[in-house]
Amino acid sequence: MRYRLTFIAGLATGYVLGSRAGRERYEQLRKAAQRVSQNPAVRNTAESAALTGREAASKAFGTVSAKVGDRLPASVTDRVRSLREQRDSDEDDWGTSNT
């Protein structure tokens, strides 16, 4: 599915950049893309996908650090610790819109 979406995005980009239809057609395409991106259903789906991705990354991080944590050099361990402290102190509000 990812490759299909990449192909469609590339096709649309190629059409826009190589189109001989001119500025008017470009503006029509831009407005249509803007309408799609501002659609609440699309925004909610994107936010849901981002949340799912963050949760999966967090689980993977925990699993990997549990398996290789003891084998890492001290400099890497210190850097991971500082990144964890930064992440814990900064609450990110990504994906919490009111749409």
C-alpha atoms as a PDB file:
ATOM      1  CA  MET A   1       0.000   0.000   0.000  1.00  0.00           C
ATOM      2  CA  ARG A   2       2.856   2.370   0.840  1.00  0.00           C
ATOM      3  CA  TYR A   3       4.368   1.924  -2.615  1.00  0.00           C
ATOM      4  CA  ARG A   4       1.026   2.598  -4.256  1.00  0.00           C
ATOM      5  CA  LEU A   5       0.610   5.844  -2.307  1.00  0.00           C
ATOM      6  CA  THR A   6       4.183   6.853  -3.149  1.00  0.00           C
ATOM      7  CA  PHE A   7       3.530   6.177  -6.827  1.00  0.00           C
ATOM      8  CA  ILE A   8       0.306   8.211  -6.788  1.00  0.00           C
ATOM      9  CA  ALA A   9       2.032  11.102  -4.996  1.00  0.00           C
ATOM     10  CA  GLY A  10       4.858  11.005  -7.548  1.00  0.00           C
ATOM     11  CA  LEU A  11       2.406  10.877 -10.413  1.00  0.00           C
ATOM     12  CA  ALA A  12       0.498  13.868  -9.067  1.00  0.00           C
ATOM     13  CA  THR A  13       3.712  15.806  -8.514  1.00  0.00           C
ATOM     14  CA  GLY A  14       4.912  15.005 -12.014  1.00  0.00           C
ATOM     15  CA  TYR A  15       1.621  16.096 -13.479  1.00  0.00           C
ATOM     16  CA  VAL A  16       1.648  19.384 -11.592  1.00  0.00           C
ATOM     17  CA  LEU A  17       5.263  20.149 -12.458  1.00  0.00           C
ATOM     18  CA  GLY A  18       5.044  19.034 -16.058  1.00  0.00           C
ATOM     19  CA  SER A  19       1.542  20.128 -16.876  1.00  0.00           C
ATOM     20  CA  ARG A  20       0.942  22.338 -19.860  1.00  0.00           C
ATOM     21  CA  ALA A  21      -2.443  23.303 -18.510  1.00  0.00           C
ATOM     22  CA  GLY A  22      -0.929  26.361 -16.872  1.00  0.00           C
ATOM     23  CA  ARG A  23      -1.430  28.230 -13.673  1.00  0.00           C
ATOM     24  CA  GLU A  24      -5.211  27.898 -13.598  1.00  0.00           C
ATOM     25  CA  ARG A  25      -5.076  24.101 -13.501  1.00  0.00           C
ATOM     26  CA  TYR A  26      -2.305  24.238 -10.919  1.00  0.00           C
ATOM     27  CA  GLU A  27      -4.465  26.433  -8.674  1.00  0.00           C
ATOM     28  CA  GLN A  28      -7.386  24.015  -9.052  1.00  0.00           C
ATOM     29  CA  LEU A  29      -5.193  21.088  -8.018  1.00  0.00           C
ATOM     30  CA  ARG A  30      -3.689  23.021  -5.118  1.00  0.00           C
ATOM     31  CA  LYS A  31      -7.132  23.992  -3.786  1.00  0.00           C
ATOM     32  CA  ALA A  32      -8.373  20.407  -4.107  1.00  0.00           C
ATOM     33  CA  ALA A  33      -5.337  19.112  -2.204  1.00  0.00           C
ATOM     34  CA  GLN A  34      -5.858  21.763   0.437  1.00  0.00           C
ATOM     35  CA  ARG A  35      -9.522  20.764   0.855  1.00  0.00           C
ATOM     36  CA  VAL A  36      -8.519  17.131   1.275  1.00  0.00           C
ATOM     37  CA  SER A  37      -5.802  17.948   3.808  1.00  0.00           C
ATOM     38  CA  GLN A  38      -8.189  20.106   5.854  1.00  0.00           C
ATOM     39  CA  ASN A  39     -10.932  17.489   5.880  1.00  0.00           C
ATOM     40  CA  PRO A  40     -11.583  16.480   9.515  1.00  0.00           C
ATOM     41  CA  ALA A  41     -11.726  12.779   8.632  1.00  0.00           C
ATOM     42  CA  VAL A  42      -8.331  12.949   6.929  1.00  0.00           C
ATOM     43  CA  ARG A  43      -6.825  14.922   9.816  1.00  0.00           C
ATOM     44  CA  ASN A  44      -8.200  12.490  12.404  1.00  0.00           C
ATOM     45  CA  THR A  45      -6.853   9.533  10.450  1.00  0.00           C
ATOM     46  CA  ALA A  46      -3.420  11.162  10.167  1.00  0.00           C
ATOM     47  CA  GLU A  47      -3.391  11.935  13.878  1.00  0.00           C
ATOM     48  CA  SER A  48      -4.449   8.389  14.691  1.00  0.00           C
ATOM     49  CA  ALA A  49      -1.688   6.998  12.472  1.00  0.00           C
ATOM     50  CA  ALA A  50       0.864   9.279  14.137  1.00  0.00           C
ATOM     51  CA  LEU A  51      -0.266   8.169  17.600  1.00  0.00           C
ATOM     52  CA  THR A  52      -0.090   4.511  16.604  1.00  0.00           C
ATOM     53  CA  GLY A  53       3.382   5.066  15.175  1.00  0.00           C
ATOM     54  CA  ARG A  54       4.590   6.757  18.365  1.00  0.00           C
ATOM     55  CA  GLU A  55       3.204   3.911  20.472  1.00  0.00           C
ATOM     56  CA  ALA A  56       4.895   1.298  18.262  1.00  0.00           C
ATOM     57  CA  ALA A  57       8.182   3.225  18.376  1.00  0.00           C
ATOM     58  CA  SER A  58       7.966   3.445  22.149  1.00  0.00           C
ATOM     59  CA  LYS A  59       7.380  -0.310  22.462  1.00  0.00           C
ATOM     60  CA  ALA A  60      10.231  -1.043  20.055  1.00  0.00           C
ATOM     61  CA  PHE A  61      12.508   1.311  21.969  1.00  0.00           C
ATOM     62  CA  GLY A  62      11.719  -0.465  25.216  1.00  0.00           C
ATOM     63  CA  THR A  63      12.293  -3.894  23.732  1.00  0.00           C
ATOM     64  CA  VAL A  64      15.551  -2.975  22.027  1.00  0.00           C
ATOM     65  CA  SER A  65      16.965  -1.101  25.009  1.00  0.00           C
ATOM     66  CA  ALA A  66      16.095  -4.042  27.280  1.00  0.00           C
ATOM     67  CA  LYS A  67      17.953  -6.455  25.005  1.00  0.00           C
ATOM     68  CA  VAL A  68      21.050  -4.413  24.187  1.00  0.00           C
ATOM     69  CA  GLY A  69      21.141  -1.906  27.029  1.00  0.00           C
ATOM     70  CA  ASP A  70      23.905  -3.707  28.935  1.00  0.00           C
ATOM     71  CA  ARG A  71      26.103  -4.067  25.851  1.00  0.00           C
ATOM     72  CA  LEU A  72      26.166  -0.405  24.858  1.00  0.00           C
ATOM     73  CA  PRO A  73      29.153   1.839  25.558  1.00  0.00           C
ATOM     74  CA  ALA A  74      28.769   4.291  28.428  1.00  0.00           C
ATOM     75  CA  SER A  75      28.656   7.299  26.083  1.00  0.00           C
ATOM     76  CA  VAL A  76      25.657   5.871  24.229  1.00  0.00           C
ATOM     77  CA  THR A  77      23.932   4.941  27.479  1.00  0.00           C
ATOM     78  CA  ASP A  78      24.416   8.493  28.799  1.00  0.00           C
ATOM     79  CA  ARG A  79      22.995   9.967  25.589  1.00  0.00           C
ATOM     80  CA  VAL A  80      19.940   7.696  25.719  1.00  0.00           C
ATOM     81  CA  ARG A  81      19.397   8.670  29.352  1.00  0.00           C
ATOM     82  CA  SER A  82      19.538  12.380  28.498  1.00  0.00           C
ATOM     83  CA  LEU A  83      17.105  11.874  25.603  1.00  0.00           C
ATOM     84  CA  ARG A  84      14.698  10.060  27.904  1.00  0.00           C
ATOM     85  CA  GLU A  85      14.848  12.902  30.409  1.00  0.00           C
ATOM     86  CA  GLN A  86      14.129  15.429  27.656  1.00  0.00           C
ATOM     87  CA  ARG A  87      11.231  13.371  26.365  1.00  0.00           C
ATOM     88  CA  ASP A  88       9.732  12.994  29.835  1.00  0.00           C
ATOM     89  CA  SER A  89       9.966  16.700  30.617  1.00  0.00           C
ATOM     90  CA  ASP A  90       8.536  17.961  27.307  1.00  0.00           C
ATOM     91  CA  GLU A  91       4.924  17.055  26.821  1.00  0.00           C
ATOM     92  CA  ASP A  92       4.238  17.127  23.118  1.00  0.00           C
ATOM     93  CA  ASP A  93       0.746  18.013  21.948  1.00  0.00           C
ATOM     94  CA  TRP A  94       1.201  16.546  18.507  1.00  0.00           C
ATOM     95  CA  GLY A  95      -2.021  14.961  17.359  1.00  0.00           C
ATOM     96  CA  THR A  96      -4.289  16.535  19.924  1.00  0.00           C
ATOM     97  CA  SER A  97      -6.340  18.898  17.811  1.00  0.00           C
ATOM     98  CA  ASN A  98      -9.970  19.587  18.489  1.00  0.00           C
ATOM     99  CA  THR A  99     -11.216  18.545  15.073  1.00  0.00           C
END
